């Protein structure tokens, strides 16, 4: 999977390509932990993402310290 973050002030867009699965979900989680400070608007662009597993959904839906 390839993750490309793009920050514009307090807006963050993350472009995902490939598969968000058990092996790649921790990479997205780490990126979110790193980049979300001060962000008021988050956009996740899945247009190039081929597959999302339950592990990927967990990263997106589970409450966290973010």
PDB file of N, CA and C in Angstrom:
ATOM      1  N   UNK A   1       0.837  -1.157   0.000  1.00  0.00           N
ATOM      2  CA  UNK A   1       0.000   0.000   0.000  1.00  0.00           C
ATOM      3  C   UNK A   1       0.890   1.230   0.000  1.00  0.00           C
ATOM      4  N   UNK A   2       0.405   2.254  -0.654  1.00  0.00           N
ATOM      5  CA  UNK A   2       1.098   3.539  -0.671  1.00  0.00           C
ATOM      6  C   UNK A   2       0.189   4.565  -0.010  1.00  0.00           C
ATOM      7  N   UNK A   3       0.732   5.309   0.939  1.00  0.00           N
ATOM      8  CA  UNK A   3       0.012   6.379   1.627  1.00  0.00           C
ATOM      9  C   UNK A   3       0.689   7.693   1.302  1.00  0.00           C
ATOM     10  N   UNK A   4      -0.097   8.654   0.845  1.00  0.00           N
ATOM     11  CA  UNK A   4       0.454   9.957   0.507  1.00  0.00           C
ATOM     12  C   UNK A   4      -0.329  11.024   1.262  1.00  0.00           C
ATOM     13  N   UNK A   5       0.245  11.568   2.339  1.00  0.00           N
ATOM     14  CA  UNK A   5      -0.433  12.642   3.065  1.00  0.00           C
ATOM     15  C   UNK A   5      -0.170  13.993   2.412  1.00  0.00           C
ATOM     16  N   UNK A   6      -1.181  14.831   2.424  1.00  0.00           N
ATOM     17  CA  UNK A   6      -1.039  16.197   1.895  1.00  0.00           C
ATOM     18  C   UNK A   6      -1.724  17.135   2.887  1.00  0.00           C
ATOM     19  N   UNK A   7      -0.946  18.012   3.500  1.00  0.00           N
ATOM     20  CA  UNK A   7      -1.469  18.929   4.504  1.00  0.00           C
ATOM     21  C   UNK A   7      -1.585  20.324   3.907  1.00  0.00           C
ATOM     22  N   UNK A   8      -2.693  20.970   4.203  1.00  0.00           N
ATOM     23  CA  UNK A   8      -2.937  22.336   3.764  1.00  0.00           C
ATOM     24  C   UNK A   8      -3.509  23.091   4.963  1.00  0.00           C
ATOM     25  N   UNK A   9      -2.646  23.718   5.724  1.00  0.00           N
ATOM     26  CA  UNK A   9      -3.098  24.389   6.939  1.00  0.00           C
ATOM     27  C   UNK A   9      -3.582  23.354   7.948  1.00  0.00           C
ATOM     28  N   UNK A  10      -4.857  23.455   8.339  1.00  0.00           N
ATOM     29  CA  UNK A  10      -5.432  22.497   9.283  1.00  0.00           C
ATOM     30  C   UNK A  10      -6.215  21.395   8.574  1.00  0.00           C
ATOM     31  N   UNK A  11      -6.109  21.308   7.265  1.00  0.00           N
ATOM     32  CA  UNK A  11      -6.753  20.248   6.485  1.00  0.00           C
ATOM     33  C   UNK A  11      -5.717  19.191   6.105  1.00  0.00           C
ATOM     34  N   UNK A  12      -6.094  17.936   6.233  1.00  0.00           N
ATOM     35  CA  UNK A  12      -5.211  16.836   5.872  1.00  0.00           C
ATOM     36  C   UNK A  12      -5.954  15.896   4.937  1.00  0.00           C
ATOM     37  N   UNK A  13      -5.342  15.587   3.807  1.00  0.00           N
ATOM     38  CA  UNK A  13      -5.858  14.579   2.891  1.00  0.00           C
ATOM     39  C   UNK A  13      -4.827  13.468   2.811  1.00  0.00           C
ATOM     40  N   UNK A  14      -5.303  12.230   2.947  1.00  0.00           N
ATOM     41  CA  UNK A  14      -4.431  11.071   2.802  1.00  0.00           C
ATOM     42  C   UNK A  14      -4.939  10.266   1.617  1.00  0.00           C
ATOM     43  N   UNK A  15      -4.078  10.091   0.631  1.00  0.00           N
ATOM     44  CA  UNK A  15      -4.398   9.300  -0.557  1.00  0.00           C
ATOM     45  C   UNK A  15      -3.891   7.888  -0.324  1.00  0.00           C
ATOM     46  N   UNK A  16      -4.781   6.903  -0.469  1.00  0.00           N
ATOM     47  CA  UNK A  16      -4.408   5.505  -0.278  1.00  0.00           C
ATOM     48  C   UNK A  16      -4.460   4.793  -1.608  1.00  0.00           C
ATOM     49  N   UNK A  17      -3.458   3.976  -1.882  1.00  0.00           N
ATOM     50  CA  UNK A  17      -3.497   3.143  -3.080  1.00  0.00           C
ATOM     51  C   UNK A  17      -3.006   1.752  -2.710  1.00  0.00           C
ATOM     52  N   UNK A  18      -3.564   0.744  -3.362  1.00  0.00           N
ATOM     53  CA  UNK A  18      -3.219  -0.636  -3.054  1.00  0.00           C
ATOM     54  C   UNK A  18      -4.255  -1.246  -2.132  1.00  0.00           C
ATOM     55  N   UNK A  19      -3.796  -2.071  -1.185  1.00  0.00           N
ATOM     56  CA  UNK A  19      -4.690  -2.780  -0.282  1.00  0.00           C
ATOM     57  C   UNK A  19      -4.477  -2.343   1.165  1.00  0.00           C
ATOM     58  N   UNK A  20      -5.578  -2.044   1.844  1.00  0.00           N
ATOM     59  CA  UNK A  20      -5.548  -1.756   3.280  1.00  0.00           C
ATOM     60  C   UNK A  20      -5.970  -3.040   3.974  1.00  0.00           C
ATOM     61  N   UNK A  21      -4.987  -3.766   4.507  1.00  0.00           N
ATOM     62  CA  UNK A  21      -5.262  -5.076   5.078  1.00  0.00           C
ATOM     63  C   UNK A  21      -4.521  -5.239   6.399  1.00  0.00           C
ATOM     64  N   UNK A  22      -4.461  -6.463   6.893  1.00  0.00           N
ATOM     65  CA  UNK A  22      -3.823  -6.752   8.179  1.00  0.00           C
ATOM     66  C   UNK A  22      -2.370  -6.302   8.214  1.00  0.00           C
ATOM     67  N   UNK A  23      -1.683  -6.443   7.104  1.00  0.00           N
ATOM     68  CA  UNK A  23      -0.268  -6.072   7.061  1.00  0.00           C
ATOM     69  C   UNK A  23      -0.044  -4.575   6.935  1.00  0.00           C
ATOM     70  N   UNK A  24      -0.961  -3.853   6.286  1.00  0.00           N
ATOM     71  CA  UNK A  24      -0.753  -2.431   6.016  1.00  0.00           C
ATOM     72  C   UNK A  24      -1.532  -1.504   6.949  1.00  0.00           C
ATOM     73  N   UNK A  25      -2.518  -2.033   7.666  1.00  0.00           N
ATOM     74  CA  UNK A  25      -3.315  -1.201   8.576  1.00  0.00           C
ATOM     75  C   UNK A  25      -2.447  -0.498   9.633  1.00  0.00           C
ATOM     76  N   UNK A  26      -1.440  -1.163  10.213  1.00  0.00           N
ATOM     77  CA  UNK A  26      -0.598  -0.455  11.191  1.00  0.00           C
ATOM     78  C   UNK A  26       0.129   0.751  10.603  1.00  0.00           C
ATOM     79  N   UNK A  27       0.441   0.687   9.322  1.00  0.00           N
ATOM     80  CA  UNK A  27       1.097   1.818   8.652  1.00  0.00           C
ATOM     81  C   UNK A  27       0.157   3.033   8.606  1.00  0.00           C
ATOM     82  N   UNK A  28      -1.108   2.798   8.293  1.00  0.00           N
ATOM     83  CA  UNK A  28      -2.087   3.891   8.285  1.00  0.00           C
ATOM     84  C   UNK A  28      -2.290   4.423   9.692  1.00  0.00           C
ATOM     85  N   UNK A  29      -2.385   3.532  10.666  1.00  0.00           N
ATOM     86  CA  UNK A  29      -2.558   3.951  12.055  1.00  0.00           C
ATOM     87  C   UNK A  29      -1.400   4.833  12.513  1.00  0.00           C
ATOM     88  N   UNK A  30      -0.190   4.441  12.192  1.00  0.00           N
ATOM     89  CA  UNK A  30       0.988   5.228  12.572  1.00  0.00           C
ATOM     90  C   UNK A  30       0.987   6.591  11.890  1.00  0.00           C
ATOM     91  N   UNK A  31       0.599   6.620  10.626  1.00  0.00           N
ATOM     92  CA  UNK A  31       0.544   7.894   9.898  1.00  0.00           C
ATOM     93  C   UNK A  31      -0.493   8.819  10.528  1.00  0.00           C
ATOM     94  N   UNK A  32      -1.652   8.289  10.871  1.00  0.00           N
ATOM     95  CA  UNK A  32      -2.693   9.100  11.508  1.00  0.00           C
ATOM     96  C   UNK A  32      -2.199   9.634  12.850  1.00  0.00           C
ATOM     97  N   UNK A  33      -1.555   8.778  13.644  1.00  0.00           N
ATOM     98  CA  UNK A  33      -1.019   9.224  14.934  1.00  0.00           C
ATOM     99  C   UNK A  33      -0.027  10.366  14.748  1.00  0.00           C
ATOM    100  N   UNK A  34       0.780  10.274  13.709  1.00  0.00           N
ATOM    101  CA  UNK A  34       1.826  11.277  13.451  1.00  0.00           C
ATOM    102  C   UNK A  34       1.256  12.589  12.917  1.00  0.00           C
ATOM    103  N   UNK A  35       0.276  12.520  12.038  1.00  0.00           N
ATOM    104  CA  UNK A  35      -0.167  13.691  11.275  1.00  0.00           C
ATOM    105  C   UNK A  35      -1.403  14.411  11.817  1.00  0.00           C
ATOM    106  N   UNK A  36      -2.171  13.805  12.716  1.00  0.00           N
ATOM    107  CA  UNK A  36      -3.457  14.390  13.088  1.00  0.00           C
ATOM    108  C   UNK A  36      -3.401  15.568  14.054  1.00  0.00           C
ATOM    109  N   UNK A  37      -2.273  15.833  14.661  1.00  0.00           N
ATOM    110  CA  UNK A  37      -2.176  16.949  15.582  1.00  0.00           C
ATOM    111  C   UNK A  37      -2.533  18.276  14.918  1.00  0.00           C
ATOM    112  N   UNK A  38      -3.540  18.963  15.444  1.00  0.00           N
ATOM    113  CA  UNK A  38      -3.942  20.257  14.907  1.00  0.00           C
ATOM    114  C   UNK A  38      -4.834  20.195  13.678  1.00  0.00           C
ATOM    115  N   UNK A  39      -5.128  19.003  13.194  1.00  0.00           N
ATOM    116  CA  UNK A  39      -5.968  18.859  11.998  1.00  0.00           C
ATOM    117  C   UNK A  39      -7.433  19.038  12.372  1.00  0.00           C
ATOM    118  N   UNK A  40      -8.139  19.863  11.596  1.00  0.00           N
ATOM    119  CA  UNK A  40      -9.566  20.096  11.815  1.00  0.00           C
ATOM    120  C   UNK A  40     -10.432  19.422  10.761  1.00  0.00           C
ATOM    121  N   UNK A  41      -9.858  19.127   9.596  1.00  0.00           N
ATOM    122  CA  UNK A  41     -10.602  18.450   8.521  1.00  0.00           C
ATOM    123  C   UNK A  41      -9.720  17.344   7.947  1.00  0.00           C
ATOM    124  N   UNK A  42     -10.250  16.130   7.963  1.00  0.00           N
ATOM    125  CA  UNK A  42      -9.519  14.970   7.444  1.00  0.00           C
ATOM    126  C   UNK A  42     -10.291  14.375   6.275  1.00  0.00           C
ATOM    127  N   UNK A  43      -9.587  14.159   5.170  1.00  0.00           N
ATOM    128  CA  UNK A  43     -10.162  13.488   4.000  1.00  0.00           C
ATOM    129  C   UNK A  43      -9.297  12.280   3.691  1.00  0.00           C
ATOM    130  N   UNK A  44      -9.939  11.136   3.532  1.00  0.00           N
ATOM    131  CA  UNK A  44      -9.251   9.918   3.116  1.00  0.00           C
ATOM    132  C   UNK A  44      -9.731   9.593   1.713  1.00  0.00           C
ATOM    133  N   UNK A  45      -8.806   9.589   0.769  1.00  0.00           N
ATOM    134  CA  UNK A  45      -9.143   9.329  -0.636  1.00  0.00           C
ATOM    135  C   UNK A  45      -8.838   7.865  -0.950  1.00  0.00           C
ATOM    136  N   UNK A  46      -9.902   7.066  -1.092  1.00  0.00           N
ATOM    137  CA  UNK A  46      -9.779   5.639  -1.364  1.00  0.00           C
ATOM    138  C   UNK A  46      -9.939   5.323  -2.852  1.00  0.00           C
ATOM    139  N   UNK A  47      -9.885   6.301  -3.724  1.00  0.00           N
ATOM    140  CA  UNK A  47     -10.170   6.069  -5.145  1.00  0.00           C
ATOM    141  C   UNK A  47      -9.178   5.103  -5.798  1.00  0.00           C
ATOM    142  N   UNK A  48      -7.975   4.976  -5.250  1.00  0.00           N
ATOM    143  CA  UNK A  48      -6.987   4.049  -5.802  1.00  0.00           C
ATOM    144  C   UNK A  48      -6.759   2.845  -4.888  1.00  0.00           C
ATOM    145  N   UNK A  49      -7.623   2.678  -3.898  1.00  0.00           N
ATOM    146  CA  UNK A  49      -7.510   1.564  -2.962  1.00  0.00           C
ATOM    147  C   UNK A  49      -8.339   0.394  -3.501  1.00  0.00           C
ATOM    148  N   UNK A  50      -7.688  -0.758  -3.662  1.00  0.00           N
ATOM    149  CA  UNK A  50      -8.338  -1.921  -4.265  1.00  0.00           C
ATOM    150  C   UNK A  50      -9.120  -2.768  -3.273  1.00  0.00           C
ATOM    151  N   UNK A  51      -8.753  -2.715  -1.991  1.00  0.00           N
ATOM    152  CA  UNK A  51      -9.318  -3.646  -1.015  1.00  0.00           C
ATOM    153  C   UNK A  51      -9.156  -3.069   0.380  1.00  0.00           C
ATOM    154  N   UNK A  52     -10.190  -3.235   1.224  1.00  0.00           N
ATOM    155  CA  UNK A  52     -10.115  -2.848   2.626  1.00  0.00           C
ATOM    156  C   UNK A  52     -10.598  -4.037   3.450  1.00  0.00           C
ATOM    157  N   UNK A  53      -9.730  -4.554   4.315  1.00  0.00           N
ATOM    158  CA  UNK A  53     -10.097  -5.683   5.169  1.00  0.00           C
ATOM    159  C   UNK A  53     -10.699  -5.163   6.476  1.00  0.00           C
ATOM    160  N   UNK A  54     -11.128  -6.092   7.311  1.00  0.00           N
ATOM    161  CA  UNK A  54     -11.673  -5.707   8.610  1.00  0.00           C
ATOM    162  C   UNK A  54     -10.611  -5.023   9.471  1.00  0.00           C
ATOM    163  N   UNK A  55      -9.350  -5.392   9.303  1.00  0.00           N
ATOM    164  CA  UNK A  55      -8.273  -4.729  10.048  1.00  0.00           C
ATOM    165  C   UNK A  55      -8.147  -3.271   9.623  1.00  0.00           C
ATOM    166  N   UNK A  56      -8.330  -3.008   8.342  1.00  0.00           N
ATOM    167  CA  UNK A  56      -8.306  -1.637   7.846  1.00  0.00           C
ATOM    168  C   UNK A  56      -9.480  -0.841   8.372  1.00  0.00           C
ATOM    169  N   UNK A  57     -10.653  -1.461   8.383  1.00  0.00           N
ATOM    170  CA  UNK A  57     -11.834  -0.786   8.926  1.00  0.00           C
ATOM    171  C   UNK A  57     -11.661  -0.470  10.407  1.00  0.00           C
ATOM    172  N   UNK A  58     -11.016  -1.364  11.128  1.00  0.00           N
ATOM    173  CA  UNK A  58     -10.794  -1.155  12.558  1.00  0.00           C
ATOM    174  C   UNK A  58      -9.983   0.108  12.803  1.00  0.00           C
ATOM    175  N   UNK A  59      -8.970   0.358  11.972  1.00  0.00           N
ATOM    176  CA  UNK A  59      -8.159   1.571  12.103  1.00  0.00           C
ATOM    177  C   UNK A  59      -9.033   2.807  11.930  1.00  0.00           C
ATOM    178  N   UNK A  60      -9.972   2.728  10.995  1.00  0.00           N
ATOM    179  CA  UNK A  60     -10.822   3.881  10.696  1.00  0.00           C
ATOM    180  C   UNK A  60     -11.925   4.087  11.724  1.00  0.00           C
ATOM    181  N   UNK A  61     -12.416   3.008  12.334  1.00  0.00           N
ATOM    182  CA  UNK A  61     -13.599   3.094  13.192  1.00  0.00           C
ATOM    183  C   UNK A  61     -13.333   3.038  14.671  1.00  0.00           C
ATOM    184  N   UNK A  62     -12.261   2.415  15.079  1.00  0.00           N
ATOM    185  CA  UNK A  62     -12.004   2.217  16.516  1.00  0.00           C
ATOM    186  C   UNK A  62     -11.610   3.529  17.175  1.00  0.00           C
ATOM    187  N   UNK A  63     -12.142   3.769  18.367  1.00  0.00           N
ATOM    188  CA  UNK A  63     -11.708   4.973  19.102  1.00  0.00           C
ATOM    189  C   UNK A  63     -10.234   4.841  19.468  1.00  0.00           C
ATOM    190  N   UNK A  64      -9.570   5.955  19.506  1.00  0.00           N
ATOM    191  CA  UNK A  64      -8.159   5.945  19.845  1.00  0.00           C
ATOM    192  C   UNK A  64      -7.812   7.220  20.596  1.00  0.00           C
ATOM    193  N   UNK A  65      -6.558   7.373  20.880  1.00  0.00           N
ATOM    194  CA  UNK A  65      -6.114   8.574  21.598  1.00  0.00           C
ATOM    195  C   UNK A  65      -5.986   9.781  20.693  1.00  0.00           C
ATOM    196  N   UNK A  66      -6.286   9.588  19.397  1.00  0.00           N
ATOM    197  CA  UNK A  66      -6.166  10.711  18.466  1.00  0.00           C
ATOM    198  C   UNK A  66      -7.180  11.726  18.853  1.00  0.00           C
TER     199      UNK A  66
END
